Protein backbone atom coordinates (compact mmCIF):
# COMPACT_ATOMS: atom_id res chain seq x y z
CA MET A 1 -34.45 10.92 -22.72
CA ILE A 2 -36.48 9.02 -20.11
CA ILE A 3 -33.38 7.02 -19.16
CA THR A 4 -31.38 10.23 -18.70
CA ASP A 5 -34.15 11.86 -16.64
CA THR A 6 -34.30 8.81 -14.37
CA LEU A 7 -30.53 8.85 -14.00
CA ILE A 8 -30.49 12.54 -13.06
CA THR A 9 -33.28 11.99 -10.52
CA SER A 10 -31.37 9.07 -8.97
CA PHE A 11 -28.16 11.11 -8.89
CA LEU A 12 -29.79 14.11 -7.22
CA LYS A 13 -31.60 11.97 -4.65
CA THR A 14 -28.38 10.17 -3.77
CA ARG A 15 -26.58 13.46 -3.24
CA SER A 16 -29.43 14.73 -1.07
CA ASP A 17 -29.61 11.51 0.97
CA THR A 18 -25.93 11.80 1.89
CA GLU A 19 -26.40 15.30 3.23
CA GLU A 20 -29.53 14.25 5.11
CA ILE A 21 -27.44 11.64 6.96
CA CYS A 22 -25.13 14.43 8.12
CA ALA A 23 -27.94 16.80 9.12
CA PRO A 24 -28.03 15.75 12.83
CA LEU A 25 -24.28 16.35 13.26
CA GLU A 26 -22.71 19.21 15.14
CA ILE A 27 -19.88 21.00 13.35
CA GLU A 28 -17.32 19.42 15.73
CA ASP A 29 -18.41 15.91 14.64
CA TYR A 30 -17.38 16.38 11.01
CA VAL A 31 -13.61 16.07 11.43
CA VAL A 32 -13.17 13.34 14.06
CA GLN A 33 -11.23 10.15 13.16
CA PRO A 34 -10.86 7.87 16.20
CA VAL A 35 -9.22 4.95 14.31
CA VAL A 36 -7.78 4.32 10.86
CA ASP A 37 -10.86 2.44 9.59
CA VAL A 38 -13.21 5.32 10.42
CA SER A 39 -13.14 8.39 8.19
CA PRO A 40 -14.42 11.82 9.24
CA PRO A 41 -17.88 12.69 7.88
CA LYS A 42 -16.38 15.74 6.16
CA TRP A 43 -14.03 13.47 4.22
CA HIS A 44 -16.90 11.23 3.03
CA LEU A 45 -18.74 14.31 1.76
CA GLY A 46 -15.67 15.40 -0.17
CA HIS A 47 -14.58 12.00 -1.44
CA THR A 48 -17.97 11.09 -2.95
CA THR A 49 -17.91 14.46 -4.71
CA TRP A 50 -14.34 13.98 -5.96
CA PHE A 51 -15.39 10.64 -7.49
CA PHE A 52 -17.83 12.34 -9.88
CA GLU A 53 -15.38 15.15 -10.57
CA GLU A 54 -12.41 12.87 -11.22
CA PHE A 55 -13.99 10.10 -13.27
CA ILE A 56 -16.65 12.00 -15.20
CA LEU A 57 -16.49 15.80 -15.26
CA SER A 58 -12.72 16.26 -15.58
CA LYS A 59 -12.53 13.63 -18.34
CA TYR A 60 -15.67 14.18 -20.42
CA ASP A 61 -16.89 17.75 -19.84
CA THR A 62 -14.48 19.89 -21.84
CA SER A 63 -15.79 23.09 -20.24
CA TYR A 64 -15.31 21.85 -16.67
CA LYS A 65 -12.93 23.64 -14.31
CA ARG A 66 -12.00 21.93 -11.05
CA PHE A 67 -13.43 23.54 -7.92
CA HIS A 68 -10.01 23.50 -6.22
CA PRO A 69 -6.69 22.26 -7.64
CA GLU A 70 -5.70 20.41 -4.43
CA TYR A 71 -8.98 18.70 -3.59
CA ALA A 72 -8.00 15.65 -5.64
CA TYR A 73 -5.05 15.20 -3.27
CA VAL A 74 -7.23 15.64 -0.18
CA PHE A 75 -10.16 13.44 -1.23
CA ASN A 76 -8.62 10.59 -3.22
CA SER A 77 -8.95 7.38 -1.21
CA TYR A 78 -6.93 4.46 -2.56
CA TYR A 79 -6.68 5.05 -6.31
CA GLU A 80 -2.95 4.72 -6.84
CA SER A 81 -3.18 5.29 -10.59
CA VAL A 82 -5.00 8.61 -10.17
CA GLY A 83 -2.35 10.37 -8.10
CA LYS A 84 -1.01 11.11 -4.64
CA ARG A 85 -3.31 11.48 -1.64
CA VAL A 86 -3.44 12.28 2.04
CA ILE A 87 -2.62 9.05 3.90
CA ARG A 88 -5.64 7.42 5.46
CA THR A 89 -4.59 7.95 9.08
CA ASN A 90 -4.33 11.71 8.52
CA ARG A 91 -7.86 12.38 7.28
CA GLY A 92 -8.91 13.51 10.75
CA ASN A 93 -6.04 16.00 10.98
CA LEU A 94 -7.47 18.27 8.30
CA SER A 95 -9.22 21.27 9.78
CA ARG A 96 -9.23 22.71 6.25
CA PRO A 97 -11.04 22.65 3.92
CA THR A 98 -13.82 23.76 6.22
CA VAL A 99 -17.16 21.99 6.38
CA SER A 100 -18.82 24.91 4.62
CA SER A 101 -16.21 24.74 1.84
CA VAL A 102 -16.84 21.03 1.37
CA TYR A 103 -20.58 21.67 1.03
CA GLU A 104 -19.81 24.39 -1.53
CA TYR A 105 -17.70 21.82 -3.38
CA ARG A 106 -20.60 19.38 -3.33
CA ASP A 107 -23.05 21.97 -4.66
CA TYR A 108 -20.63 22.97 -7.41
CA VAL A 109 -20.03 19.42 -8.66
CA THR A 110 -23.68 18.38 -8.31
CA SER A 111 -24.84 21.37 -10.34
CA ARG A 112 -22.19 20.93 -13.04
CA LEU A 113 -22.85 17.21 -13.40
CA GLN A 114 -26.62 17.74 -13.61
CA THR A 115 -26.11 20.24 -16.43
CA PHE A 116 -23.69 17.89 -18.17
CA LEU A 117 -26.12 14.97 -17.96
CA GLU A 118 -28.89 17.05 -19.48
CA GLY A 119 -26.82 17.12 -22.68
CA ASN A 120 -26.16 14.32 -25.14
CA ILE A 121 -24.33 11.63 -23.14
CA ASP A 122 -23.43 8.12 -24.23
CA GLU A 123 -23.82 4.75 -22.53
CA LYS A 124 -20.29 4.80 -21.12
CA ILE A 125 -21.01 7.99 -19.18
CA ARG A 126 -24.35 6.61 -17.96
CA GLU A 127 -22.51 3.58 -16.62
CA LEU A 128 -19.95 5.77 -14.87
CA VAL A 129 -22.70 7.83 -13.24
CA GLN A 130 -24.36 4.62 -12.03
CA ILE A 131 -21.09 3.49 -10.49
CA GLY A 132 -20.73 6.90 -8.86
CA ILE A 133 -24.26 6.70 -7.45
CA HIS A 134 -23.67 3.28 -5.94
CA HIS A 135 -20.24 4.32 -4.73
CA GLU A 136 -21.91 7.16 -2.84
CA LYS A 137 -24.53 4.77 -1.46
CA GLN A 138 -21.69 2.65 -0.08
CA HIS A 139 -20.34 5.75 1.62
CA GLN A 140 -23.78 6.54 3.03
CA GLU A 141 -23.58 3.28 4.93
CA LEU A 142 -20.01 4.02 5.96
CA LEU A 143 -21.10 7.47 7.10
CA LEU A 144 -23.67 5.99 9.48
CA THR A 145 -21.29 3.41 10.89
CA ASP A 146 -18.43 5.90 11.15
CA ILE A 147 -20.69 8.42 12.88
CA LYS A 148 -21.76 5.69 15.30
CA PHE A 149 -18.11 4.90 16.08
CA ILE A 150 -17.29 8.56 16.56
CA LEU A 151 -20.22 9.16 18.92
CA GLY A 152 -20.05 5.71 20.53
CA ASN A 153 -16.49 6.31 21.67
CA ASN A 154 -17.47 9.56 23.35
CA PRO A 155 -17.91 9.04 27.12
CA LEU A 156 -21.13 11.06 27.00
CA PHE A 157 -22.72 8.50 24.59
CA PRO A 158 -24.44 11.27 22.60
CA LYS A 159 -27.47 10.49 20.46
CA TYR A 160 -27.28 10.74 16.70
CA ASN A 161 -31.05 11.12 16.47
CA GLU A 162 -34.27 9.69 17.93
CA THR A 163 -35.50 7.88 14.84
CA PHE A 164 -32.79 5.55 13.54
CA THR A 165 -33.84 2.01 14.52
CA GLU A 166 -30.98 -0.45 14.49
CA THR A 167 -32.23 -3.29 16.71
CA PRO A 168 -35.20 -4.89 14.93
CA ALA A 169 -36.30 -8.13 16.61
CA SER A 170 -37.43 -11.16 14.63
CA ASN A 171 -40.82 -12.70 15.41
CA SER A 172 -39.94 -15.92 13.60
CA LYS A 173 -39.29 -19.12 15.50
CA VAL A 174 -35.91 -20.72 14.95
CA ASN A 175 -36.10 -23.18 12.10
CA TYR A 176 -33.44 -24.86 9.95
CA ILE A 177 -34.14 -24.92 6.23
CA PRO A 178 -32.91 -28.04 4.40
CA ILE A 179 -31.06 -27.46 1.13
CA PRO A 180 -30.50 -30.55 -0.98
CA GLU A 181 -27.19 -31.62 -2.44
CA GLY A 182 -26.73 -30.40 -5.97
CA ILE A 183 -25.11 -28.17 -8.54
CA TYR A 184 -26.18 -24.52 -8.35
CA GLU A 185 -25.54 -21.35 -10.36
CA ILE A 186 -23.87 -18.46 -8.55
CA GLY A 187 -23.47 -14.84 -9.64
CA TYR A 188 -25.45 -11.94 -11.02
CA LYS A 189 -27.71 -12.76 -13.99
CA GLY A 190 -29.71 -9.54 -14.35
CA ARG A 191 -29.33 -6.47 -16.54
CA ASP A 192 -29.40 -3.74 -13.90
CA PHE A 193 -26.40 -2.41 -12.03
CA CYS A 194 -24.04 -4.76 -10.21
CA TYR A 195 -20.36 -4.69 -9.25
CA ASP A 196 -17.76 -6.56 -11.25
CA ASN A 197 -17.07 -8.94 -8.36
CA GLU A 198 -20.60 -10.37 -8.75
CA LEU A 199 -20.04 -11.26 -12.40
CA GLY A 200 -18.99 -14.51 -13.91
CA VAL A 201 -22.03 -16.75 -13.45
CA HIS A 202 -20.66 -20.16 -12.60
CA LYS A 203 -21.69 -23.46 -11.09
CA VAL A 204 -20.80 -24.84 -7.69
CA PHE A 205 -21.49 -28.19 -6.10
CA LEU A 206 -22.94 -28.08 -2.58
CA GLU A 207 -23.32 -30.92 -0.14
CA GLU A 208 -26.66 -31.18 1.65
CA TYR A 209 -26.98 -28.70 4.54
CA GLU A 210 -29.48 -26.90 6.75
CA ILE A 211 -29.41 -23.13 7.28
CA CYS A 212 -31.11 -21.20 10.05
CA ASN A 213 -34.01 -18.96 9.08
CA VAL A 214 -33.06 -16.27 11.63
CA LEU A 215 -29.93 -14.49 12.72
CA VAL A 216 -28.27 -15.25 16.04
CA SER A 217 -29.81 -13.02 18.73
CA ASN A 218 -28.28 -11.06 21.59
CA ARG A 219 -29.95 -13.52 23.95
CA GLU A 220 -28.15 -16.47 22.38
CA TYR A 221 -24.86 -14.62 22.20
CA LEU A 222 -25.11 -13.67 25.87
CA LYS A 223 -25.24 -17.39 26.68
CA PHE A 224 -21.92 -17.77 24.86
CA ILE A 225 -20.42 -14.96 26.95
CA ASN A 226 -21.77 -16.37 30.21
CA ASP A 227 -20.36 -19.79 29.29
CA ASN A 228 -16.89 -18.18 29.17
CA GLY A 229 -16.76 -18.29 25.39
CA TYR A 230 -14.20 -15.49 25.31
CA GLN A 231 -11.98 -17.42 27.74
CA ASN A 232 -12.06 -20.78 25.92
CA SER A 233 -9.07 -20.86 23.58
CA LEU A 234 -10.32 -24.06 21.93
CA LEU A 235 -13.11 -22.12 20.20
CA TRP A 236 -10.86 -19.59 18.49
CA HIS A 237 -8.44 -19.45 15.60
CA ALA A 238 -4.88 -18.82 16.81
CA GLU A 239 -4.84 -15.38 15.20
CA ALA A 240 -8.23 -14.59 16.73
CA TRP A 241 -7.07 -15.69 20.20
CA ASP A 242 -4.13 -13.31 19.93
CA TRP A 243 -6.50 -10.55 18.84
CA ILE A 244 -8.94 -10.89 21.73
CA SER A 245 -6.07 -11.28 24.22
CA GLN A 246 -4.12 -8.27 23.01
CA ASN A 247 -7.22 -6.05 22.76
CA ASN A 248 -9.00 -7.35 25.88
CA ILE A 249 -12.11 -8.24 23.85
CA LYS A 250 -14.86 -9.70 26.04
CA THR A 251 -18.10 -8.64 24.33
CA PRO A 252 -19.34 -7.34 20.98
CA LEU A 253 -18.48 -3.75 20.15
CA TYR A 254 -20.66 -1.15 21.93
CA TRP A 255 -21.72 -3.49 24.78
CA HIS A 256 -21.31 -2.03 28.27
CA GLU A 257 -21.91 -3.87 31.53
CA ILE A 258 -23.25 -1.46 34.17
CA ASP A 259 -24.21 -2.75 37.63
CA GLY A 260 -24.56 -6.29 36.30
CA GLN A 261 -26.81 -5.26 33.39
CA PHE A 262 -25.73 -5.12 29.73
CA TYR A 263 -26.37 -1.99 27.74
CA GLN A 264 -25.64 -1.27 24.10
CA TYR A 265 -24.71 2.02 22.52
CA THR A 266 -27.02 2.74 19.59
CA LEU A 267 -27.53 5.74 17.35
CA GLN A 268 -30.36 6.65 19.73
CA GLY A 269 -27.90 6.65 22.62
CA LEU A 270 -27.15 4.09 25.33
CA LYS A 271 -29.99 1.57 25.63
CA GLU A 272 -30.63 -1.56 27.67
CA LEU A 273 -29.62 -4.54 25.57
CA ASN A 274 -32.54 -5.85 23.52
CA LEU A 275 -32.14 -9.60 23.95
CA ASP A 276 -34.39 -10.46 21.00
CA ALA A 277 -32.54 -8.28 18.49
CA PRO A 278 -29.91 -9.85 16.24
CA VAL A 279 -26.42 -9.57 17.68
CA THR A 280 -24.32 -7.03 15.82
CA HIS A 281 -20.86 -5.49 15.56
CA LEU A 282 -19.10 -8.86 15.63
CA SER A 283 -15.82 -9.66 13.97
CA TYR A 284 -15.50 -12.78 11.84
CA TYR A 285 -13.35 -14.16 14.66
CA GLU A 286 -16.24 -13.85 17.11
CA ALA A 287 -18.79 -15.21 14.64
CA PHE A 288 -16.60 -18.26 14.03
CA ALA A 289 -15.98 -18.87 17.74
CA PHE A 290 -19.70 -18.67 18.49
CA SER A 291 -20.48 -21.18 15.73
CA GLN A 292 -17.88 -23.54 17.20
CA TRP A 293 -19.48 -23.16 20.63
CA LYS A 294 -22.85 -24.09 19.11
CA GLY A 295 -21.38 -27.12 17.35
CA GLN A 296 -22.35 -25.61 13.99
CA ARG A 297 -20.65 -23.40 11.41
CA LEU A 298 -20.98 -20.32 9.22
CA PRO A 299 -22.36 -20.75 5.69
CA THR A 300 -20.17 -20.32 2.68
CA GLU A 301 -21.19 -17.39 0.50
CA PHE A 302 -22.51 -19.90 -2.06
CA GLU A 303 -24.66 -21.68 0.51
CA TRP A 304 -26.01 -18.30 1.59
CA GLU A 305 -26.83 -17.21 -1.97
CA VAL A 306 -28.61 -20.46 -2.81
CA ALA A 307 -30.70 -20.41 0.39
CA GLN A 308 -31.43 -16.67 0.74
CA GLN A 309 -34.80 -16.94 -1.01
CA TYR A 310 -36.12 -18.98 1.94
CA PHE A 311 -35.41 -16.48 4.75
CA GLU A 312 -35.53 -12.74 5.42
CA TRP A 313 -32.25 -10.87 5.30
CA GLY A 314 -31.00 -7.29 5.39
CA ASP A 315 -30.78 -6.38 9.09
CA ARG A 316 -27.13 -7.39 9.50
CA TRP A 317 -24.26 -8.06 7.15
CA GLU A 318 -23.69 -11.79 7.60
CA TRP A 319 -20.20 -13.22 7.91
CA THR A 320 -19.58 -16.23 5.71
CA GLU A 321 -16.83 -18.82 5.71
CA SER A 322 -15.72 -17.75 2.23
CA ALA A 323 -12.51 -15.93 1.45
CA TYR A 324 -12.96 -12.94 -0.84
CA ALA A 325 -11.65 -14.18 -4.17
CA PRO A 326 -12.48 -13.65 -7.86
CA TYR A 327 -15.13 -15.71 -9.60
CA PRO A 328 -14.05 -17.78 -12.63
CA ASN A 329 -13.23 -15.58 -15.63
CA TYR A 330 -13.25 -12.42 -13.49
CA THR A 331 -11.74 -9.42 -15.25
CA LYS A 332 -11.01 -6.06 -13.69
CA ALA A 333 -12.36 -2.93 -15.29
CA PRO A 334 -9.74 -1.02 -17.31
CA GLY A 335 -8.01 1.99 -15.83
CA ALA A 336 -8.41 3.42 -12.34
CA LEU A 337 -11.87 1.91 -11.79
CA GLY A 338 -10.19 -1.49 -11.96
CA GLU A 339 -8.89 -0.65 -8.46
CA TYR A 340 -12.45 -0.64 -7.10
CA ASN A 341 -12.72 -4.32 -6.13
CA GLY A 342 -10.08 -6.55 -7.61
CA LYS A 343 -7.04 -5.39 -5.67
CA PHE A 344 -8.75 -6.17 -2.35
CA MET A 345 -9.20 -9.87 -3.08
CA VAL A 346 -6.76 -11.09 -0.44
CA ASN A 347 -6.96 -11.70 3.32
CA GLN A 348 -10.62 -10.73 3.59
CA LYS A 349 -13.88 -12.56 4.29
CA VAL A 350 -17.11 -12.22 2.31
CA LEU A 351 -20.28 -10.92 3.98
CA ARG A 352 -23.71 -11.26 2.42
CA GLY A 353 -27.08 -9.58 2.77
CA GLY A 354 -27.12 -5.98 3.95
CA SER A 355 -27.81 -4.07 7.13
CA VAL A 356 -30.07 -1.49 8.72
CA ALA A 357 -27.56 1.09 7.46
CA THR A 358 -27.59 -0.09 3.83
CA PRO A 359 -29.41 2.35 1.51
CA GLN A 360 -32.52 1.19 -0.29
CA ASN A 361 -32.04 -0.41 -3.71
CA HIS A 362 -28.35 -0.90 -3.09
CA THR A 363 -28.02 -4.56 -2.14
CA ARG A 364 -29.18 -7.78 -3.81
CA PRO A 365 -28.76 -11.56 -3.33
CA THR A 366 -25.48 -11.62 -5.25
CA TYR A 367 -23.89 -8.58 -3.52
CA ARG A 368 -20.46 -9.44 -2.10
CA ASN A 369 -19.32 -7.24 0.76
CA PHE A 370 -15.88 -7.88 2.24
CA PHE A 371 -13.87 -6.95 5.31
CA HIS A 372 -10.81 -8.09 7.21
CA PRO A 373 -11.74 -10.67 9.86
CA HIS A 374 -11.02 -8.46 12.90
CA LEU A 375 -13.25 -5.55 11.83
CA ARG A 376 -16.60 -5.05 13.53
CA TRP A 377 -17.67 -1.41 13.32
CA GLN A 378 -20.17 -2.32 10.60
CA PHE A 379 -23.56 -3.84 11.45
CA THR A 380 -22.24 -7.40 11.20
CA GLY A 381 -23.91 -10.54 12.55
CA LEU A 382 -24.20 -14.22 11.73
CA ARG A 383 -26.46 -17.04 10.65
CA LEU A 384 -25.73 -20.68 11.45
CA VAL A 385 -25.55 -23.82 9.31
CA LYS A 386 -25.84 -27.50 10.24
CA ASP A 387 -24.32 -30.24 8.15
CA LYS A 388 -26.52 -33.25 7.48
């Protein structure tokens, strides 16, 4: 009973936290979709609700009646085996359902699931609820970064709120931590929640290396810009050089040069660039080019996991040099939930750590985030490694 009570409390808090993120928004903000990778806030609110409805209530609560027969079509994301869906690029074209209707949908599903969980549920359902909670936490982070993109591409640079701090500066002096050559265990070993892509504890051999205790700062990255880093083709992958050339990329996302001074759009509005804050909103391409300019490199995800106990992390998702691939003996979950991670294990890079937008109690040393190398709307930065 205590386990169930704790689960219900966690579920209700997660649902409330999502809505708190949306509280500063104006009604016009809820439906905007500037680019394919950014979903409207209204869609996030509906999709995280659909997840609980689709995978728990509709399958295990025999008395449950769907809130609306077409919401599964509107709010499915990429689950091919579940059914048809609105294509991703069209999420911002949906003026209906209204924002108020989506909140009614949330209240309906939250209330019905709470009642269902107060009954006699088994371990399988508890596990599904945990997945749903952490799925919604992922979308809480996406909500913040999508809201930032929506507002940050508005010429008025509107504020989200006055309290969200995204540019913490490190007081630590730069130091490189030596990690000896050896065989190390990688992967999740605990008993609490983790994703399937963290499982399959296995050993890796690492050569001796040194990893920086702090993230690369805006100050250091500005030196790269001023040294014509974006104009030096020798620093970039061929694909990356095409990307910056075709898209006229000259700075990290949200940087603006005004009268010779760099400013950065933040969720508190346009601010003078904080030189001591960790650089953020970089693509893997940019992180790699910067490491080449420094004569160093990015860590592999295994080097990062082994060394993370010796430095602070969590302000920026950190690009690694590792391709997103399955661990040895990886098996996908059966059914539709098997689409959650496994089918994305191609053409993506692993990021480790977490960011200022990551919800509490959601990340851990073995957490494997992943994005395509050109994406940078997340709070992404980098940490450097030296070979011995």
